Amino acid sequence: MLRVQFLHEQDTDLTRQIDALAAETDPVLPSKDFTRSIVEEELREFRRVISARFARSIIDGCLLDH
């Protein structure tokens, strides 16, 4: 349960970081929409990796219990 809470907190923190990055108005940076799309793609990949690792840890835990 603590792992799920930790992952949720990490996801919420990353979402806040995406919003802050997308809100920047530095003219040297790409457009907000472009920046947001790149960061959101990274977030999707992060979530996929974390989900896979979490699932694997559950499977490993179940295998160790038996």
Protein backbone atom coordinates (compact mmCIF):
# COMPACT_ATOMS: atom_id res chain seq x y z
CA MET A 1 0.00 0.00 0.00
CA LEU A 2 2.88 2.35 0.76
CA ARG A 3 4.28 1.72 -2.72
CA VAL A 4 1.00 2.74 -4.32
CA GLN A 5 0.89 5.91 -2.21
CA PHE A 6 4.52 6.69 -3.08
CA LEU A 7 3.87 6.20 -6.80
CA HIS A 8 0.79 8.41 -6.62
CA GLU A 9 2.77 11.15 -4.87
CA GLN A 10 5.54 10.90 -7.48
CA ASP A 11 2.99 11.08 -10.29
CA THR A 12 1.33 14.13 -8.71
CA ASP A 13 4.71 15.82 -8.28
CA LEU A 14 5.62 15.14 -11.92
CA THR A 15 2.30 16.55 -13.07
CA ARG A 16 3.00 19.75 -11.12
CA GLN A 17 6.44 19.95 -12.70
CA ILE A 18 4.91 19.55 -16.17
CA ASP A 19 2.47 22.37 -15.47
CA ALA A 20 5.26 24.62 -14.20
CA LEU A 21 7.46 23.87 -17.20
CA ALA A 22 4.61 24.45 -19.64
CA ALA A 23 3.85 27.79 -17.95
CA GLU A 24 7.33 29.16 -18.64
CA THR A 25 7.38 31.93 -21.21
CA ASP A 26 11.09 32.09 -22.10
CA PRO A 27 11.21 32.91 -25.84
CA VAL A 28 14.26 30.66 -26.26
CA LEU A 29 12.23 27.63 -25.26
CA PRO A 30 9.96 25.85 -27.71
CA SER A 31 6.26 26.63 -27.52
CA LYS A 32 4.37 25.64 -24.38
CA ASP A 33 2.34 23.03 -26.27
CA PHE A 34 5.47 21.48 -27.77
CA THR A 35 7.23 21.44 -24.39
CA ARG A 36 4.16 19.95 -22.72
CA SER A 37 3.87 17.20 -25.35
CA ILE A 38 7.51 16.20 -24.88
CA VAL A 39 7.25 16.15 -21.10
CA GLU A 40 3.93 14.30 -21.19
CA GLU A 41 5.51 11.64 -23.41
CA GLU A 42 8.32 11.27 -20.87
CA LEU A 43 5.73 11.02 -18.09
CA ARG A 44 3.87 8.27 -19.97
CA GLU A 45 7.13 6.34 -20.35
CA PHE A 46 7.93 6.86 -16.66
CA ARG A 47 4.48 5.58 -15.68
CA ARG A 48 4.90 2.54 -17.95
CA VAL A 49 8.27 1.67 -16.41
CA ILE A 50 7.06 2.22 -12.85
CA SER A 51 3.93 0.14 -13.50
CA ALA A 52 6.03 -2.68 -14.91
CA ARG A 53 8.42 -2.57 -11.97
CA PHE A 54 5.56 -2.44 -9.48
CA ALA A 55 3.84 -5.39 -11.15
CA ARG A 56 7.12 -7.30 -11.17
CA SER A 57 7.67 -6.63 -7.46
CA ILE A 58 4.16 -7.94 -6.71
CA ILE A 59 4.83 -11.07 -8.77
CA ASP A 60 8.21 -11.58 -7.11
CA GLY A 61 6.60 -11.11 -3.70
CA CYS A 62 3.91 -13.67 -4.49
CA LEU A 63 6.50 -16.15 -5.73
CA LEU A 64 8.55 -15.72 -2.57
CA ASP A 65 5.47 -16.31 -0.41
CA HIS A 66 4.88 -19.73 -1.99
